[in-house]
Amino acid sequence: MMIVAYILITLGLIGAISVWSSIVNEINCYTYTYTPPYTDHETSLMIALFIFAIMAGSGVAMIIFSIMKKRNEDKLNKVLSYSSNGTIKNVCPNCGVNISEGTTICPKCGTQIEKE
């Protein structure tokens, strides 16, 4: 999902910048005025600018959503990692190294691991 978000942001920004520079160039050269009533060309460029801006905004929203989702998953996993006696599962109580299920002696410090 993050790759799609980065692609949307990149395409949206490139498109918006190119359309915006085209609009500014046309205004500076007095080719188009971009005042009502709009020509078909002016309307098309403004719609394209709006679509590219929406693409970039959607990419940013996707990244924010992904970050929030990951933080919530991390918090949930932390809560679920506690055992009934209040200690963290699969972690040595002495040195804090992660250990596999069923380990009786910590491979790092040699502490005896109690089973729940």
C-alpha atoms as a PDB file:
ATOM      1  CA  MET A   1       0.000   0.000   0.000  1.00  0.00           C
ATOM      2  CA  MET A   2       2.893   2.356   0.731  1.00  0.00           C
ATOM      3  CA  ILE A   3       4.321   1.834  -2.767  1.00  0.00           C
ATOM      4  CA  VAL A   4       0.990   2.768  -4.319  1.00  0.00           C
ATOM      5  CA  ALA A   5       0.856   5.840  -2.090  1.00  0.00           C
ATOM      6  CA  TYR A   6       4.342   6.953  -3.138  1.00  0.00           C
ATOM      7  CA  ILE A   7       3.456   6.411  -6.808  1.00  0.00           C
ATOM      8  CA  LEU A   8       0.266   8.465  -6.401  1.00  0.00           C
ATOM      9  CA  ILE A   9       2.157  11.281  -4.699  1.00  0.00           C
ATOM     10  CA  THR A  10       4.891  11.287  -7.341  1.00  0.00           C
ATOM     11  CA  LEU A  11       2.523  11.226 -10.314  1.00  0.00           C
ATOM     12  CA  GLY A  12       0.221  13.757  -8.690  1.00  0.00           C
ATOM     13  CA  LEU A  13       3.016  16.213  -7.953  1.00  0.00           C
ATOM     14  CA  ILE A  14       4.651  15.856 -11.364  1.00  0.00           C
ATOM     15  CA  GLY A  15       1.310  16.274 -13.121  1.00  0.00           C
ATOM     16  CA  ALA A  16       0.203  19.204 -10.962  1.00  0.00           C
ATOM     17  CA  ILE A  17       3.515  21.019 -11.400  1.00  0.00           C
ATOM     18  CA  SER A  18       3.526  20.531 -15.167  1.00  0.00           C
ATOM     19  CA  VAL A  19      -0.098  21.658 -15.567  1.00  0.00           C
ATOM     20  CA  TRP A  20       0.461  24.613 -13.246  1.00  0.00           C
ATOM     21  CA  SER A  21       3.562  25.708 -15.166  1.00  0.00           C
ATOM     22  CA  SER A  22       1.586  25.431 -18.407  1.00  0.00           C
ATOM     23  CA  ILE A  23      -1.183  27.623 -16.967  1.00  0.00           C
ATOM     24  CA  VAL A  24       1.298  30.222 -15.707  1.00  0.00           C
ATOM     25  CA  ASN A  25       3.094  30.228 -19.068  1.00  0.00           C
ATOM     26  CA  GLU A  26      -0.189  30.766 -20.940  1.00  0.00           C
ATOM     27  CA  ILE A  27      -1.165  33.623 -18.617  1.00  0.00           C
ATOM     28  CA  ASN A  28       2.259  35.286 -18.975  1.00  0.00           C
ATOM     29  CA  CYS A  29       2.151  34.997 -22.766  1.00  0.00           C
ATOM     30  CA  TYR A  30      -1.424  36.384 -22.853  1.00  0.00           C
ATOM     31  CA  THR A  31      -2.573  33.275 -24.724  1.00  0.00           C
ATOM     32  CA  TYR A  32      -5.383  32.563 -22.266  1.00  0.00           C
ATOM     33  CA  THR A  33      -6.827  34.683 -19.479  1.00  0.00           C
ATOM     34  CA  TYR A  34      -8.345  32.012 -17.206  1.00  0.00           C
ATOM     35  CA  THR A  35     -11.278  34.267 -16.409  1.00  0.00           C
ATOM     36  CA  PRO A  36     -14.943  33.375 -16.989  1.00  0.00           C
ATOM     37  CA  PRO A  37     -16.238  32.368 -19.440  1.00  0.00           C
ATOM     38  CA  TYR A  38     -13.578  29.671 -19.661  1.00  0.00           C
ATOM     39  CA  THR A  39     -12.588  28.104 -22.958  1.00  0.00           C
ATOM     40  CA  ASP A  40     -12.547  24.336 -23.363  1.00  0.00           C
ATOM     41  CA  HIS A  41      -8.759  24.357 -23.131  1.00  0.00           C
ATOM     42  CA  GLU A  42      -8.778  26.351 -19.874  1.00  0.00           C
ATOM     43  CA  THR A  43     -11.428  24.086 -18.387  1.00  0.00           C
ATOM     44  CA  SER A  44      -9.468  20.968 -19.360  1.00  0.00           C
ATOM     45  CA  LEU A  45      -6.286  22.234 -17.737  1.00  0.00           C
ATOM     46  CA  MET A  46      -8.069  23.232 -14.520  1.00  0.00           C
ATOM     47  CA  ILE A  47      -9.739  19.809 -14.321  1.00  0.00           C
ATOM     48  CA  ALA A  48      -6.363  18.106 -14.907  1.00  0.00           C
ATOM     49  CA  LEU A  49      -4.795  20.243 -12.164  1.00  0.00           C
ATOM     50  CA  PHE A  50      -7.599  19.276  -9.783  1.00  0.00           C
ATOM     51  CA  ILE A  51      -7.256  15.556 -10.610  1.00  0.00           C
ATOM     52  CA  PHE A  52      -3.467  15.605 -10.072  1.00  0.00           C
ATOM     53  CA  ALA A  53      -3.928  17.427  -6.758  1.00  0.00           C
ATOM     54  CA  ILE A  54      -6.461  14.773  -5.663  1.00  0.00           C
ATOM     55  CA  MET A  55      -3.977  12.030  -6.620  1.00  0.00           C
ATOM     56  CA  ALA A  56      -1.233  13.575  -4.510  1.00  0.00           C
ATOM     57  CA  GLY A  57      -3.624  14.141  -1.593  1.00  0.00           C
ATOM     58  CA  SER A  58      -4.851  10.547  -1.784  1.00  0.00           C
ATOM     59  CA  GLY A  59      -1.266   9.296  -1.604  1.00  0.00           C
ATOM     60  CA  VAL A  60      -0.597  11.392   1.498  1.00  0.00           C
ATOM     61  CA  ALA A  61      -3.817  10.118   3.097  1.00  0.00           C
ATOM     62  CA  MET A  62      -2.825   6.513   2.345  1.00  0.00           C
ATOM     63  CA  ILE A  63       0.562   6.988   4.011  1.00  0.00           C
ATOM     64  CA  ILE A  64      -1.022   8.560   7.096  1.00  0.00           C
ATOM     65  CA  PHE A  65      -3.563   5.722   7.278  1.00  0.00           C
ATOM     66  CA  SER A  66      -0.806   3.085   6.947  1.00  0.00           C
ATOM     67  CA  ILE A  67       1.260   4.661   9.718  1.00  0.00           C
ATOM     68  CA  MET A  68      -1.729   4.869  12.064  1.00  0.00           C
ATOM     69  CA  LYS A  69      -2.699   1.265  11.285  1.00  0.00           C
ATOM     70  CA  LYS A  70       0.848   0.038  11.996  1.00  0.00           C
ATOM     71  CA  ARG A  71       0.983   1.905  15.318  1.00  0.00           C
ATOM     72  CA  ASN A  72      -2.334   0.387  16.393  1.00  0.00           C
ATOM     73  CA  GLU A  73      -1.155  -3.086  15.407  1.00  0.00           C
ATOM     74  CA  ASP A  74       2.058  -2.595  17.386  1.00  0.00           C
ATOM     75  CA  LYS A  75       0.111  -1.504  20.477  1.00  0.00           C
ATOM     76  CA  LEU A  76      -2.243  -4.476  20.155  1.00  0.00           C
ATOM     77  CA  ASN A  77       0.668  -6.908  19.759  1.00  0.00           C
ATOM     78  CA  LYS A  78       2.342  -5.416  22.831  1.00  0.00           C
ATOM     79  CA  VAL A  79      -0.825  -5.894  24.888  1.00  0.00           C
ATOM     80  CA  LEU A  80      -1.266  -9.445  23.600  1.00  0.00           C
ATOM     81  CA  SER A  81       2.343 -10.306  24.419  1.00  0.00           C
ATOM     82  CA  TYR A  82       1.742 -10.096  28.189  1.00  0.00           C
ATOM     83  CA  SER A  83       1.059 -13.329  30.026  1.00  0.00           C
ATOM     84  CA  SER A  84      -1.432 -13.809  32.845  1.00  0.00           C
ATOM     85  CA  ASN A  85       1.162 -13.080  35.538  1.00  0.00           C
ATOM     86  CA  GLY A  86       2.041  -9.663  34.037  1.00  0.00           C
ATOM     87  CA  THR A  87       5.351 -10.556  32.411  1.00  0.00           C
ATOM     88  CA  ILE A  88       6.037 -10.345  28.698  1.00  0.00           C
ATOM     89  CA  LYS A  89       5.820 -13.659  26.830  1.00  0.00           C
ATOM     90  CA  ASN A  90       8.831 -15.001  24.936  1.00  0.00           C
ATOM     91  CA  VAL A  91      11.251 -12.484  26.485  1.00  0.00           C
ATOM     92  CA  CYS A  92      13.954 -13.249  29.027  1.00  0.00           C
ATOM     93  CA  PRO A  93      13.047 -11.485  32.297  1.00  0.00           C
ATOM     94  CA  ASN A  94      16.737 -10.883  33.033  1.00  0.00           C
ATOM     95  CA  CYS A  95      18.288  -9.585  29.791  1.00  0.00           C
ATOM     96  CA  GLY A  96      15.213  -8.944  27.602  1.00  0.00           C
ATOM     97  CA  VAL A  97      16.308 -11.037  24.624  1.00  0.00           C
ATOM     98  CA  ASN A  98      13.517 -12.589  22.524  1.00  0.00           C
ATOM     99  CA  ILE A  99      13.283 -16.324  23.019  1.00  0.00           C
ATOM    100  CA  SER A 100      11.268 -18.976  21.259  1.00  0.00           C
ATOM    101  CA  GLU A 101       8.271 -20.733  22.738  1.00  0.00           C
ATOM    102  CA  GLY A 102       9.234 -23.569  25.073  1.00  0.00           C
ATOM    103  CA  THR A 103      12.762 -22.335  25.831  1.00  0.00           C
ATOM    104  CA  THR A 104      13.784 -23.199  29.414  1.00  0.00           C
ATOM    105  CA  ILE A 105      17.174 -21.450  29.602  1.00  0.00           C
ATOM    106  CA  CYS A 106      18.011 -18.066  28.086  1.00  0.00           C
ATOM    107  CA  PRO A 107      20.650 -18.537  25.371  1.00  0.00           C
ATOM    108  CA  LYS A 108      22.218 -15.128  26.142  1.00  0.00           C
ATOM    109  CA  CYS A 109      22.459 -14.915  29.939  1.00  0.00           C
ATOM    110  CA  GLY A 110      21.614 -18.474  31.078  1.00  0.00           C
ATOM    111  CA  THR A 111      18.658 -17.455  33.256  1.00  0.00           C
ATOM    112  CA  GLN A 112      16.152 -20.230  34.013  1.00  0.00           C
ATOM    113  CA  ILE A 113      12.853 -19.408  32.244  1.00  0.00           C
ATOM    114  CA  GLU A 114       9.687 -20.329  34.173  1.00  0.00           C
ATOM    115  CA  LYS A 115       6.789 -21.805  32.254  1.00  0.00           C
ATOM    116  CA  GLU A 116       3.368 -20.244  32.639  1.00  0.00           C
END
